[in-house]
Amino acid sequence: MSRQPTWDLACALQAEMFDAVGHLGTLDVQLVYFRGIEECRASKFVSDTDALKRLMSGIRCQGGQTQIGKVLSHALKETAREKVSALVYIGDAMEENVDVLAMKAGNLGMHGVPAFIFQEGEDRAAEVAFKEMARLSKGAWFRFDRNAAATLARLLSAVAIFAAGGITALEARGRPEDRLMIEHLRRGGGNG
């Protein structure tokens, strides 16, 4: 339930990711979400903003424990079938065994799937876990709040550019958010 305002924001910003990649090719996105009691679902991969918007607009947040481990396991399963370039996770809490999450994040890193983790709020346990997951996956951790929609949009576009073309594409585009993303990736991802 705590995610609804951020979910609404994400629905509004998701077009930024597709727009950012325009000249590099296509961006295939799979929406994975959890809510309620043990519900964790994944959509099919979509390659346009309208399809993703339709998927996202049909989902409403519900209370329940976090299921981050299931999301990480799903990403590992997907990358075993076909290469996944990046995982984006937006959250405010972590109610799972951090060592189990760290192991899964480390496996993502070994398979070349960096986790870009955006934390809303000040939950210290979540911050410690999220930073470690980012570090082990060779991704990046950032703090944001609902009032920083423009910042989130720019960072999500940087993730999309990275997913489509790697660090080389970020360097070529050269925007401030791209340089920030490169800096996080090169220093190990855990700090934001």
Protein backbone atom coordinates (compact mmCIF):
# COMPACT_ATOMS: atom_id res chain seq x y z
CA MET A 1 0.00 0.00 0.00
CA SER A 2 2.90 2.36 0.67
CA ARG A 3 3.87 2.12 -3.00
CA GLN A 4 0.69 3.50 -4.59
CA PRO A 5 1.84 7.14 -4.95
CA THR A 6 5.19 6.02 -6.38
CA TRP A 7 3.46 3.47 -8.61
CA ASP A 8 1.29 6.25 -10.01
CA LEU A 9 4.44 8.31 -10.62
CA ALA A 10 6.14 5.38 -12.36
CA CYS A 11 3.12 4.98 -14.65
CA ALA A 12 3.49 8.62 -15.65
CA LEU A 13 7.27 8.42 -16.19
CA GLN A 14 7.66 5.10 -17.97
CA ALA A 15 7.55 6.69 -21.44
CA GLU A 16 10.85 8.44 -20.63
CA MET A 17 12.70 5.13 -20.78
CA PHE A 18 11.46 4.26 -24.27
CA ASP A 19 12.00 7.80 -25.56
CA ALA A 20 15.59 7.82 -24.29
CA VAL A 21 16.49 4.71 -26.27
CA GLY A 22 14.88 5.82 -29.55
CA HIS A 23 18.00 6.06 -31.73
CA LEU A 24 19.78 3.08 -30.14
CA GLY A 25 17.18 0.50 -31.09
CA THR A 26 14.45 -1.03 -28.99
CA LEU A 27 13.99 -1.47 -25.29
CA ASP A 28 12.17 -4.58 -24.14
CA VAL A 29 10.72 -4.21 -20.65
CA GLN A 30 9.11 -6.79 -18.42
CA LEU A 31 7.05 -5.61 -15.48
CA VAL A 32 7.50 -7.73 -12.34
CA TYR A 33 5.53 -6.78 -9.26
CA PHE A 34 4.51 -8.19 -5.91
CA ARG A 35 1.67 -7.34 -3.61
CA GLY A 36 -0.70 -8.79 -1.05
CA ILE A 37 -0.17 -12.27 0.32
CA GLU A 38 2.50 -14.07 -1.73
CA GLU A 39 1.40 -12.59 -5.08
CA CYS A 40 4.35 -12.02 -7.42
CA ARG A 41 3.69 -11.74 -11.15
CA ALA A 42 5.58 -10.96 -14.33
CA SER A 43 4.21 -9.60 -17.57
CA LYS A 44 5.38 -10.55 -21.02
CA PHE A 45 8.16 -8.38 -22.45
CA VAL A 46 6.88 -5.27 -24.22
CA SER A 47 8.74 -2.90 -26.49
CA ASP A 48 6.60 0.22 -26.53
CA THR A 49 5.34 2.73 -24.03
CA ASP A 50 1.63 2.16 -24.76
CA ALA A 51 1.87 -1.57 -24.01
CA LEU A 52 3.73 -0.92 -20.76
CA LYS A 53 1.27 1.79 -19.77
CA ARG A 54 -1.63 -0.63 -20.31
CA LEU A 55 0.05 -3.23 -18.11
CA MET A 56 0.86 -0.75 -15.37
CA SER A 57 -2.53 0.95 -15.33
CA GLY A 58 -4.22 -2.37 -14.58
CA ILE A 59 -2.32 -2.88 -11.33
CA ARG A 60 -3.27 -1.53 -7.91
CA CYS A 61 -1.05 -1.69 -4.86
CA GLN A 62 -2.04 -3.87 -1.90
CA GLY A 63 -0.55 -4.33 1.55
CA GLY A 64 1.80 -7.21 2.23
CA GLN A 65 5.39 -8.19 2.94
CA THR A 66 8.17 -7.50 0.47
CA GLN A 67 9.03 -10.27 -2.00
CA ILE A 68 12.27 -8.92 -3.40
CA GLY A 69 13.84 -12.39 -3.41
CA LYS A 70 11.20 -13.58 -5.86
CA VAL A 71 11.92 -10.64 -8.16
CA LEU A 72 15.66 -11.38 -8.12
CA SER A 73 15.04 -15.11 -8.71
CA HIS A 74 12.77 -14.26 -11.63
CA ALA A 75 15.46 -12.04 -13.18
CA LEU A 76 17.98 -14.88 -12.87
CA LYS A 77 15.56 -17.29 -14.53
CA GLU A 78 14.88 -14.84 -17.36
CA THR A 79 18.56 -14.16 -18.03
CA ALA A 80 19.18 -17.92 -18.25
CA ARG A 81 16.69 -17.96 -21.16
CA GLU A 82 17.76 -14.73 -22.85
CA LYS A 83 20.19 -12.03 -21.72
CA VAL A 84 18.67 -9.42 -19.40
CA SER A 85 20.63 -6.15 -19.52
CA ALA A 86 19.43 -4.56 -16.27
CA LEU A 87 16.98 -4.79 -13.41
CA VAL A 88 15.29 -1.68 -12.00
CA TYR A 89 13.81 -1.96 -8.53
CA ILE A 90 11.93 0.83 -6.77
CA GLY A 91 11.02 0.29 -3.14
CA ASP A 92 10.83 1.67 0.35
CA ALA A 93 11.12 -1.38 2.60
CA MET A 94 12.92 -4.70 2.97
CA GLU A 95 11.45 -7.41 5.20
CA GLU A 96 13.49 -10.40 4.02
CA ASN A 97 16.74 -12.13 4.90
CA VAL A 98 19.41 -9.76 3.62
CA ASP A 99 21.94 -12.60 3.16
CA VAL A 100 19.57 -14.46 0.82
CA LEU A 101 18.97 -11.26 -1.17
CA ALA A 102 22.71 -10.58 -1.30
CA MET A 103 23.39 -14.06 -2.70
CA LYS A 104 20.79 -13.58 -5.44
CA ALA A 105 22.08 -10.09 -6.25
CA GLY A 106 25.62 -11.48 -6.46
CA ASN A 107 24.40 -14.13 -8.89
CA LEU A 108 22.83 -11.40 -11.00
CA GLY A 109 26.17 -9.60 -11.03
CA MET A 110 27.98 -12.76 -12.13
CA HIS A 111 25.49 -13.05 -15.00
CA GLY A 112 26.00 -9.41 -16.03
CA VAL A 113 22.64 -8.14 -14.79
CA PRO A 114 23.20 -4.97 -12.74
CA ALA A 115 20.41 -3.97 -10.36
CA PHE A 116 19.54 -0.27 -10.33
CA ILE A 117 17.80 0.28 -7.02
CA PHE A 118 15.83 3.42 -6.22
CA GLN A 119 14.91 3.83 -2.56
CA GLU A 120 12.10 6.00 -1.38
CA GLY A 121 12.16 7.02 2.27
CA GLU A 122 14.68 6.65 5.05
CA ASP A 123 14.30 3.00 6.18
CA ARG A 124 17.83 2.16 7.35
CA ALA A 125 17.48 -1.64 7.02
CA ALA A 126 16.24 -1.20 3.45
CA GLU A 127 19.09 1.17 2.66
CA VAL A 128 21.74 -1.26 3.91
CA ALA A 129 20.19 -4.15 1.96
CA PHE A 130 19.57 -2.13 -1.20
CA LYS A 131 23.12 -0.75 -1.27
CA GLU A 132 24.55 -4.24 -0.84
CA MET A 133 22.30 -5.65 -3.57
CA ALA A 134 23.41 -2.86 -5.93
CA ARG A 135 27.08 -3.41 -5.10
CA LEU A 136 26.98 -7.18 -5.52
CA SER A 137 25.08 -6.99 -8.80
CA LYS A 138 27.46 -4.29 -10.09
CA GLY A 139 24.55 -1.86 -10.35
CA ALA A 140 23.76 1.37 -8.52
CA TRP A 141 21.66 2.61 -5.59
CA PHE A 142 19.92 5.99 -5.48
CA ARG A 143 17.66 7.68 -2.99
CA PHE A 144 14.67 9.58 -4.33
CA ASP A 145 11.36 10.94 -3.20
CA ARG A 146 8.04 11.60 -4.87
CA ASN A 147 8.93 15.28 -5.12
CA ALA A 148 11.91 14.44 -7.35
CA ALA A 149 9.95 13.15 -10.35
CA ALA A 150 12.20 14.89 -12.86
CA THR A 151 15.32 13.37 -11.27
CA LEU A 152 13.78 9.89 -11.32
CA ALA A 153 12.78 10.32 -14.97
CA ARG A 154 16.33 11.32 -15.94
CA LEU A 155 17.87 8.42 -13.99
CA LEU A 156 15.43 5.92 -15.51
CA SER A 157 16.34 7.20 -18.96
CA ALA A 158 20.02 6.65 -18.08
CA VAL A 159 19.23 3.06 -17.04
CA ALA A 160 17.43 2.55 -20.35
CA ILE A 161 20.41 3.92 -22.30
CA PHE A 162 22.71 1.59 -20.33
CA ALA A 163 20.43 -1.40 -21.00
CA ALA A 164 20.36 -0.65 -24.72
CA GLY A 165 24.01 0.26 -25.27
CA GLY A 166 26.09 -0.10 -22.11
CA ILE A 167 28.51 2.42 -20.67
CA THR A 168 29.61 3.41 -24.18
CA ALA A 169 26.10 4.67 -24.95
CA LEU A 170 25.97 6.60 -21.66
CA GLU A 171 29.33 8.21 -22.43
CA ALA A 172 28.18 9.14 -25.93
CA ARG A 173 24.97 10.78 -24.70
CA GLY A 174 26.90 12.57 -21.95
CA ARG A 175 24.10 14.07 -19.90
CA PRO A 176 24.64 14.78 -16.17
CA GLU A 177 22.52 11.76 -15.17
CA ASP A 178 24.56 9.60 -17.55
CA ARG A 179 27.81 10.75 -15.93
CA LEU A 180 26.31 10.08 -12.48
CA MET A 181 25.27 6.58 -13.56
CA ILE A 182 28.73 5.88 -14.98
CA GLU A 183 30.32 7.06 -11.75
CA HIS A 184 28.11 4.71 -9.70
CA LEU A 185 28.78 1.78 -12.00
CA ARG A 186 32.53 2.27 -11.92
CA ARG A 187 32.81 2.61 -8.16
CA GLY A 188 30.71 -0.43 -7.34
CA GLY A 189 27.15 0.89 -7.12
CA GLY A 190 26.48 0.84 -3.39
CA ASN A 191 26.37 4.58 -2.73
CA GLY A 192 24.03 7.24 -4.01
